[in-house]
Amino acid sequence: MTETTSATSGPAEVWITGIGLATSLGEGPDANWNALEQRRINVDEKNFAPYVVHPWAPVNLDTQIPKKGDQRQMEAWQRIGTYAAGLALDSAGVKGNKEILGRMDMIVAAGGGERDLKVDSGVLTAEAQGNSDPGLLNERLMSDLRPTLFLAQLSNLLAGNIAIVHGVSGTSRTFMGEEVAGVDAARIALARIASGQSDIALIGGSHNGERRDLLLLYEFGDYNLKDKFAPVWSRHEHSGFALGSAGAFLVIESRAHAEARGAKPYARLTNVVADMSRRKQPGDMKTTLEKLWSQLGKLDGGEAIVTGATGAEPATSEERAFLSEHPDYAVRATGTVFGHTMEAQFPLGLAVAALSISRGALFPPTDSSGVEIEMSKPPAQIVVIGASHWRGEGMALVEAIK
């Protein structure tokens, strides 16, 4: 059944009814919320030194991916995502419901798969030693890389594994594009449900931050946080993001569909907007954030902001300048507590915002820079910001249900 809308009825109200979190702080809404309330942060400064990462908390994969064969054929980022997706379906009360799963849309934000470190290291060593003739790279790629490795790097395999393991078999889309892929996953799913093209959708992403190939990639751009952990807002002298391992998925559906099946919502997803500043001149990104803010809809002043601010520069300073124009808003940076999870960062922000609204409280600040202030009243509105470390900006409005 697909809910229809008309010019008189307007767009359908969209609820967040399921939250699946598997992060460095633990699995499930309760474990993550308890950690946030306790200001607990899980970082590893040693195993990938000099780089700082937020490692995935141990889980029993069998509870969400019961077949060992399925587990073995997935890379870590796929296991993380498939696990978190299962948690979201459980949370929404649709796990195993073949009728609903058979028509559930799925929009996944995903990056590329993990590389063969041995092959990459051999190519880089040859280059460093001056032994790389012009044909070496093609020769190594043709002879050293297994075809199965290339297939395992395909971004849409996460959606495929979720379909296989959990039976989500409606329409499927996979977006690439680092942080902004997560923004667009939420934006398009919301638009489809609000317009009556869909009733229910699974959205989200996953990221394995414990990858030496990714650390190498981002080191080329000088994006990694090095040596010692610091909160996002305290990295201006030593900028960079600490990659995090996390899966963040949500089930969103029309109010009518949720009420018909007796689902209890966490919050309402009211709006998601996106843009891409060219970032050619100082202040360009701040201008884009101001434009997105104006597009969110009616905002009641002095509420809360959950941001995926990265800690990388100059993006974080520009976002901080934007936030300074809204001093009455209580700001929380997910990058401080979960690390930077790229494609999953915006869905993670949506999940944390929905949890805060459903719990009737905003979790406490985790830095002492003055950017994050206390909030004593229950939040009725939370703005989620996703400003990418390189390109792309997005915002969402999450509200209490009236």
Protein backbone atom coordinates (compact mmCIF):
# COMPACT_ATOMS: atom_id res chain seq x y z
CA MET A 1 0.00 0.00 0.00
CA THR A 2 1.41 3.40 -0.95
CA GLU A 3 0.05 6.49 0.71
CA THR A 4 -1.01 9.16 -1.76
CA THR A 5 -0.87 12.91 -1.31
CA SER A 6 -2.70 15.71 -3.00
CA ALA A 7 -2.52 19.44 -3.31
CA THR A 8 -5.07 19.72 -0.51
CA SER A 9 -3.61 17.20 1.90
CA GLY A 10 0.00 18.28 1.41
CA PRO A 11 3.10 16.16 1.88
CA ALA A 12 2.99 13.21 4.22
CA GLU A 13 4.50 13.61 7.66
CA VAL A 14 7.59 11.40 8.00
CA TRP A 15 8.58 9.65 11.22
CA ILE A 16 11.81 8.04 12.34
CA THR A 17 10.68 4.71 13.74
CA GLY A 18 13.87 2.66 13.83
CA ILE A 19 17.46 3.42 14.86
CA GLY A 20 20.39 1.07 14.33
CA LEU A 21 23.73 2.13 15.78
CA ALA A 22 26.89 0.06 15.94
CA THR A 23 29.73 2.42 16.85
CA SER A 24 32.90 2.76 18.86
CA LEU A 25 30.66 3.30 21.91
CA GLY A 26 28.64 0.10 21.54
CA GLU A 27 25.58 -1.31 19.79
CA GLY A 28 22.00 -0.15 19.95
CA PRO A 29 20.32 3.07 21.07
CA ASP A 30 20.59 2.36 24.80
CA ALA A 31 24.32 1.60 24.86
CA ASN A 32 25.15 4.61 22.73
CA TRP A 33 22.90 6.94 24.71
CA ASN A 34 24.37 5.79 28.03
CA ALA A 35 27.88 6.40 26.71
CA LEU A 36 26.92 9.89 25.52
CA GLU A 37 25.43 10.74 28.89
CA GLN A 38 28.61 9.55 30.60
CA ARG A 39 30.80 11.55 28.17
CA ARG A 40 32.61 8.33 27.31
CA ILE A 41 34.93 8.36 24.28
CA ASN A 42 36.69 5.31 22.83
CA VAL A 43 39.90 6.22 20.99
CA ASP A 44 42.99 4.33 19.91
CA GLU A 45 46.21 6.37 19.72
CA LYS A 46 48.59 3.40 19.46
CA ASN A 47 47.65 0.74 16.93
CA PHE A 48 47.63 3.12 13.95
CA ALA A 49 50.13 5.65 15.31
CA PRO A 50 50.66 8.45 14.64
CA TYR A 51 47.01 8.48 13.56
CA VAL A 52 44.11 8.54 16.01
CA VAL A 53 41.07 6.33 15.32
CA HIS A 54 37.82 5.41 17.07
CA PRO A 55 37.67 1.57 16.89
CA TRP A 56 34.46 -0.41 16.46
CA ALA A 57 33.17 -1.84 19.72
CA PRO A 58 33.10 -5.67 19.76
CA VAL A 59 29.78 -7.28 18.85
CA ASN A 60 28.44 -10.78 18.36
CA LEU A 61 27.96 -10.79 14.60
CA ASP A 62 25.82 -13.93 14.80
CA THR A 63 22.92 -11.97 16.28
CA GLN A 64 22.37 -9.95 13.09
CA ILE A 65 24.32 -11.94 10.47
CA PRO A 66 23.58 -15.54 11.49
CA LYS A 67 25.31 -17.34 8.61
CA LYS A 68 29.08 -17.65 8.93
CA GLY A 69 29.37 -17.84 5.15
CA ASP A 70 27.73 -14.42 4.84
CA GLN A 71 30.11 -13.00 7.42
CA ARG A 72 33.18 -14.38 5.69
CA GLN A 73 32.38 -13.00 2.24
CA MET A 74 31.89 -9.46 3.57
CA GLU A 75 34.61 -6.95 4.21
CA ALA A 76 34.59 -5.20 7.59
CA TRP A 77 32.69 -2.13 6.40
CA GLN A 78 29.96 -4.37 4.99
CA ARG A 79 29.67 -6.36 8.21
CA ILE A 80 29.41 -3.12 10.19
CA GLY A 81 26.67 -1.78 7.93
CA THR A 82 24.70 -5.02 7.65
CA TYR A 83 24.81 -5.38 11.42
CA ALA A 84 23.58 -1.82 12.02
CA ALA A 85 20.83 -2.23 9.42
CA GLY A 86 19.56 -5.28 11.29
CA LEU A 87 19.49 -3.28 14.51
CA ALA A 88 17.42 -0.58 12.80
CA LEU A 89 14.91 -3.12 11.51
CA ASP A 90 14.66 -4.63 14.99
CA SER A 91 14.18 -1.19 16.50
CA ALA A 92 11.34 -0.42 14.07
CA GLY A 93 9.64 -3.76 14.72
CA VAL A 94 9.80 -4.90 11.09
CA LYS A 95 12.56 -7.50 11.30
CA GLY A 96 11.33 -10.64 9.57
CA ASN A 97 8.11 -9.03 8.32
CA LYS A 98 8.29 -10.21 4.71
CA GLU A 99 5.33 -8.14 3.55
CA ILE A 100 6.86 -4.84 4.71
CA LEU A 101 10.46 -5.76 3.87
CA GLY A 102 9.39 -6.77 0.38
CA ARG A 103 8.38 -3.21 -0.44
CA MET A 104 10.78 -1.28 1.77
CA ASP A 105 12.99 1.18 -0.10
CA MET A 106 16.68 1.17 0.74
CA ILE A 107 19.10 4.05 0.20
CA VAL A 108 22.68 3.40 1.31
CA ALA A 109 25.62 5.80 1.50
CA ALA A 110 28.82 3.86 0.89
CA GLY A 111 32.44 4.31 -0.05
CA GLY A 112 34.75 1.93 -1.84
CA GLY A 113 35.94 -1.37 -0.46
CA GLU A 114 39.23 -2.15 1.17
CA ARG A 115 42.38 -2.39 -0.90
CA ASP A 116 45.07 -5.06 -1.03
CA LEU A 117 47.69 -3.54 1.24
CA LYS A 118 50.42 -5.95 0.12
CA VAL A 119 50.01 -4.93 -3.52
CA ASP A 120 49.77 -1.23 -2.71
CA SER A 121 52.85 -1.41 -0.50
CA GLY A 122 54.81 -3.15 -3.24
CA VAL A 123 53.90 -0.45 -5.79
CA LEU A 124 54.78 2.38 -3.40
CA THR A 125 58.07 0.73 -2.43
CA ALA A 126 59.05 0.32 -6.07
CA GLU A 127 58.20 3.97 -6.72
CA ALA A 128 60.24 5.11 -3.70
CA GLN A 129 63.24 3.05 -4.84
CA GLY A 130 63.07 4.36 -8.40
CA ASN A 131 62.15 0.94 -9.83
CA SER A 132 58.81 1.90 -11.36
CA ASP A 133 59.00 2.01 -15.13
CA PRO A 134 55.91 3.44 -16.91
CA GLY A 135 54.26 0.05 -17.36
CA LEU A 136 54.79 -1.20 -13.79
CA LEU A 137 51.46 -0.05 -12.38
CA ASN A 138 49.41 -1.73 -15.11
CA GLU A 139 51.51 -4.87 -14.83
CA ARG A 140 51.01 -5.11 -11.07
CA LEU A 141 47.29 -4.43 -11.32
CA MET A 142 46.86 -7.13 -13.96
CA SER A 143 48.97 -9.76 -12.22
CA ASP A 144 48.59 -9.14 -8.49
CA LEU A 145 44.98 -8.17 -7.89
CA ARG A 146 42.43 -10.94 -7.55
CA PRO A 147 39.17 -10.46 -9.47
CA THR A 148 37.29 -11.29 -6.29
CA LEU A 149 39.04 -8.42 -4.51
CA PHE A 150 37.81 -5.97 -7.13
CA LEU A 151 34.26 -7.27 -6.79
CA ALA A 152 34.43 -6.91 -3.03
CA GLN A 153 35.24 -3.22 -3.45
CA LEU A 154 31.92 -2.43 -5.16
CA SER A 155 29.97 0.14 -3.15
CA ASN A 156 26.57 -1.40 -3.81
CA LEU A 157 27.57 -4.65 -2.09
CA LEU A 158 26.46 -3.23 1.27
CA ALA A 159 22.90 -2.85 -0.03
CA GLY A 160 23.18 -6.30 -1.60
CA ASN A 161 24.23 -7.88 1.67
CA ILE A 162 21.45 -6.14 3.57
CA ALA A 163 18.97 -7.50 1.02
CA ILE A 164 20.39 -11.03 1.31
CA VAL A 165 20.69 -11.14 5.10
CA HIS A 166 17.63 -9.14 6.15
CA GLY A 167 15.30 -9.50 3.16
CA VAL A 168 14.93 -5.80 2.33
CA SER A 169 13.87 -6.13 -1.28
CA GLY A 170 12.07 -2.98 -2.43
CA THR A 171 13.89 -0.40 -4.54
CA SER A 172 17.58 0.06 -3.82
CA ARG A 173 19.97 2.95 -4.36
CA THR A 174 23.60 3.41 -3.37
CA PHE A 175 25.18 6.86 -3.22
CA MET A 176 28.91 7.57 -3.21
CA GLY A 177 30.49 10.92 -2.39
CA GLU A 178 31.78 10.73 1.17
CA GLU A 179 29.79 12.77 3.74
CA VAL A 180 27.28 14.28 1.33
CA ALA A 181 26.20 10.80 0.19
CA GLY A 182 24.62 10.36 3.62
CA VAL A 183 22.84 13.69 3.26
CA ASP A 184 21.36 12.74 -0.10
CA ALA A 185 20.29 9.30 1.15
CA ALA A 186 18.14 11.00 3.77
CA ARG A 187 17.00 13.82 1.47
CA ILE A 188 15.72 11.57 -1.30
CA ALA A 189 14.12 9.01 1.00
CA LEU A 190 12.28 11.80 2.79
CA ALA A 191 11.11 13.31 -0.51
CA ARG A 192 9.83 9.93 -1.76
CA ILE A 193 7.81 9.27 1.37
CA ALA A 194 6.52 12.84 1.69
CA SER A 195 5.30 12.78 -1.92
CA GLY A 196 3.56 9.42 -1.54
CA GLN A 197 5.95 7.48 -3.78
CA SER A 198 6.95 5.29 -0.85
CA ASP A 199 5.66 4.28 2.57
CA ILE A 200 8.79 3.13 4.38
CA ALA A 201 12.55 3.20 3.81
CA LEU A 202 15.81 2.02 5.32
CA ILE A 203 18.56 4.64 5.05
CA GLY A 204 22.09 4.90 6.36
CA GLY A 205 25.72 4.09 5.86
CA SER A 206 28.76 2.44 7.38
CA HIS A 207 32.45 3.10 7.67
CA ASN A 208 35.50 1.16 8.76
CA GLY A 209 37.97 3.71 10.09
CA GLU A 210 40.54 1.05 11.01
CA ARG A 211 41.97 0.84 7.51
CA ARG A 212 45.57 1.66 6.76
CA ASP A 213 44.74 2.27 3.11
CA LEU A 214 42.25 4.99 4.07
CA LEU A 215 44.68 6.56 6.51
CA LEU A 216 47.24 6.67 3.71
CA LEU A 217 44.71 8.19 1.32
CA TYR A 218 43.68 10.97 3.70
CA GLU A 219 47.28 11.59 4.75
CA PHE A 220 47.97 12.68 1.17
CA GLY A 221 45.57 15.57 1.86
CA ASP A 222 46.89 16.13 5.40
CA TYR A 223 43.46 15.40 6.87
CA ASN A 224 44.33 12.91 9.62
CA LEU A 225 44.45 13.84 13.30
CA LYS A 226 47.85 12.80 14.59
CA ASP A 227 49.53 11.83 17.85
CA LYS A 228 46.95 12.84 20.46
CA PHE A 229 43.16 12.98 20.65
CA ALA A 230 41.44 16.31 21.16
CA PRO A 231 37.78 17.36 20.81
CA VAL A 232 36.77 18.63 17.37
CA TRP A 233 36.59 22.26 18.49
CA SER A 234 40.09 22.15 20.03
CA ARG A 235 42.01 21.09 16.93
CA HIS A 236 42.66 24.47 15.30
CA GLU A 237 46.40 24.24 16.02
CA HIS A 238 46.61 20.56 15.07
CA SER A 239 43.74 20.06 12.65
CA GLY A 240 42.41 16.81 11.28
CA PHE A 241 39.76 14.15 11.72
CA ALA A 242 40.04 10.93 13.68
CA LEU A 243 38.45 8.26 11.51
CA GLY A 244 35.74 6.27 13.24
CA SER A 245 34.23 2.84 12.65
CA ALA A 246 30.44 2.92 12.75
CA GLY A 247 27.22 1.81 11.14
CA ALA A 248 24.21 4.12 11.36
CA PHE A 249 20.86 3.17 9.85
CA LEU A 250 17.34 4.49 10.31
CA VAL A 251 13.88 3.32 9.36
CA ILE A 252 11.71 6.24 8.26
CA GLU A 253 8.08 5.99 7.20
CA SER A 254 4.95 8.01 6.68
CA ARG A 255 2.94 8.77 9.78
CA ALA A 256 -0.09 6.98 8.34
CA HIS A 257 1.94 3.83 7.66
CA ALA A 258 3.50 3.89 11.12
CA GLU A 259 0.18 4.43 12.88
CA ALA A 260 -1.47 1.65 10.86
CA ARG A 261 1.02 -0.87 12.19
CA GLY A 262 1.18 0.61 15.69
CA ALA A 263 4.80 1.75 15.46
CA LYS A 264 6.19 4.07 18.14
CA PRO A 265 8.23 6.94 16.65
CA TYR A 266 11.42 8.49 17.94
CA ALA A 267 10.96 11.82 16.16
CA ARG A 268 9.77 13.50 13.00
CA LEU A 269 12.12 14.07 10.05
CA THR A 270 10.76 17.37 8.77
CA ASN A 271 13.24 18.53 6.16
CA VAL A 272 16.61 17.72 4.57
CA VAL A 273 18.41 20.23 2.34
CA ALA A 274 21.75 20.01 0.54
CA ASP A 275 24.15 22.10 -1.53
CA MET A 276 27.78 22.15 -2.63
CA SER A 277 29.79 25.30 -2.05
CA ARG A 278 32.67 25.80 -4.46
CA ARG A 279 34.87 26.80 -1.50
CA LYS A 280 37.06 28.97 -3.69
CA GLN A 281 37.15 31.95 -1.35
CA PRO A 282 37.17 32.22 2.46
CA GLY A 283 33.60 32.41 3.68
CA ASP A 284 32.06 30.47 0.77
CA MET A 285 31.09 27.51 2.92
CA LYS A 286 29.68 29.73 5.65
CA THR A 287 27.48 31.46 3.06
CA THR A 288 26.17 28.10 1.89
CA LEU A 289 25.38 27.04 5.46
CA GLU A 290 23.45 30.27 5.98
CA LYS A 291 21.43 29.57 2.83
CA LEU A 292 20.63 26.02 3.93
CA TRP A 293 19.61 27.28 7.38
CA SER A 294 17.07 29.60 5.75
CA GLN A 295 15.59 26.66 3.80
CA LEU A 296 14.92 24.39 6.78
CA GLY A 297 11.55 25.89 7.70
CA LYS A 298 10.24 27.51 10.88
CA LEU A 299 12.86 27.34 13.62
CA ASP A 300 12.13 28.06 17.27
CA GLY A 301 15.20 29.89 18.55
CA GLY A 302 17.50 28.53 21.20
CA GLU A 303 17.19 24.83 20.51
CA ALA A 304 20.00 22.43 19.56
CA ILE A 305 22.42 21.60 16.76
CA VAL A 306 24.05 18.21 16.19
CA THR A 307 26.91 18.58 13.75
CA GLY A 308 29.25 16.19 11.98
CA ALA A 309 32.04 18.81 12.03
CA THR A 310 35.23 17.05 11.07
CA GLY A 311 38.06 18.89 12.78
CA ALA A 312 39.78 19.35 9.41
CA GLU A 313 40.58 22.82 8.18
CA PRO A 314 39.48 25.20 6.80
CA ALA A 315 35.99 23.63 6.86
CA THR A 316 35.73 23.43 10.65
CA SER A 317 36.70 27.09 11.19
CA GLU A 318 34.10 28.18 8.64
CA GLU A 319 31.45 26.06 10.30
CA ARG A 320 32.46 27.46 13.68
CA ALA A 321 32.03 30.99 12.31
CA PHE A 322 28.53 30.04 11.18
CA LEU A 323 27.70 28.54 14.57
CA SER A 324 28.87 31.70 16.32
CA GLU A 325 25.94 33.52 14.70
CA HIS A 326 23.57 31.17 16.57
CA PRO A 327 24.95 31.43 20.11
CA ASP A 328 21.68 30.42 21.78
CA TYR A 329 21.80 26.96 20.21
CA ALA A 330 23.33 24.11 22.18
CA VAL A 331 25.88 22.51 19.81
CA ARG A 332 27.13 18.92 19.92
CA ALA A 333 29.81 17.50 17.61
CA THR A 334 29.46 13.81 16.84
CA GLY A 335 33.05 13.74 15.54
CA THR A 336 34.37 14.17 19.06
CA VAL A 337 32.62 11.14 20.49
CA PHE A 338 32.27 8.78 17.51
CA GLY A 339 35.13 9.91 15.27
CA HIS A 340 34.58 10.92 11.67
CA THR A 341 32.64 8.22 9.86
CA MET A 342 32.41 9.80 6.37
CA GLU A 343 29.31 8.42 4.60
CA ALA A 344 27.73 7.42 7.92
CA GLN A 345 28.29 10.76 9.65
CA PHE A 346 25.02 12.43 8.62
CA PRO A 347 22.81 9.39 9.34
CA LEU A 348 24.64 9.14 12.68
CA GLY A 349 23.71 12.76 13.40
CA LEU A 350 20.07 12.07 12.52
CA ALA A 351 20.06 9.07 14.84
CA VAL A 352 21.56 10.99 17.75
CA ALA A 353 19.13 13.87 17.21
CA ALA A 354 16.13 11.51 17.15
CA LEU A 355 17.39 9.78 20.28
CA SER A 356 17.78 13.10 22.08
CA ILE A 357 14.24 14.15 21.23
CA SER A 358 12.80 10.78 22.24
CA ARG A 359 14.70 10.83 25.55
CA GLY A 360 13.64 14.41 26.29
CA ALA A 361 17.20 15.64 26.77
CA LEU A 362 20.30 16.64 24.87
CA PHE A 363 23.42 14.73 25.85
CA PRO A 364 26.07 16.78 27.70
CA PRO A 365 28.96 18.68 26.06
CA THR A 366 32.24 16.87 25.44
CA ASP A 367 34.61 19.80 25.11
CA SER A 368 35.59 22.88 27.06
CA SER A 369 36.15 25.32 24.20
CA GLY A 370 32.89 27.16 24.78
CA VAL A 371 31.31 26.08 21.51
CA GLU A 372 29.14 23.48 23.26
CA ILE A 373 26.85 24.87 25.96
CA GLU A 374 24.56 23.09 28.39
CA MET A 375 20.87 22.60 27.59
CA SER A 376 18.47 21.89 30.41
CA LYS A 377 15.11 21.88 28.64
CA PRO A 378 13.88 18.99 26.46
CA PRO A 379 14.69 19.73 22.81
CA ALA A 380 11.69 20.04 20.51
CA GLN A 381 13.79 20.81 17.43
CA ILE A 382 17.32 19.74 16.50
CA VAL A 383 19.15 20.87 13.40
CA VAL A 384 21.59 18.29 12.03
CA ILE A 385 24.52 19.74 10.06
CA GLY A 386 26.78 17.82 7.70
CA ALA A 387 29.62 19.95 6.31
CA SER A 388 32.07 17.72 4.46
CA HIS A 389 35.81 17.94 4.99
CA TRP A 390 36.28 18.68 1.28
CA ARG A 391 33.03 19.33 -0.59
CA GLY A 392 29.29 19.24 0.09
CA GLU A 393 27.01 20.60 2.78
CA GLY A 394 23.67 19.48 4.17
CA MET A 395 21.18 20.12 6.96
CA ALA A 396 18.16 18.40 8.40
CA LEU A 397 15.43 19.40 10.80
CA VAL A 398 14.40 16.74 13.33
CA GLU A 399 11.42 17.56 15.54
CA ALA A 400 9.34 16.21 18.37
CA ILE A 401 6.02 14.78 17.24
CA LYS A 402 3.00 16.87 18.17
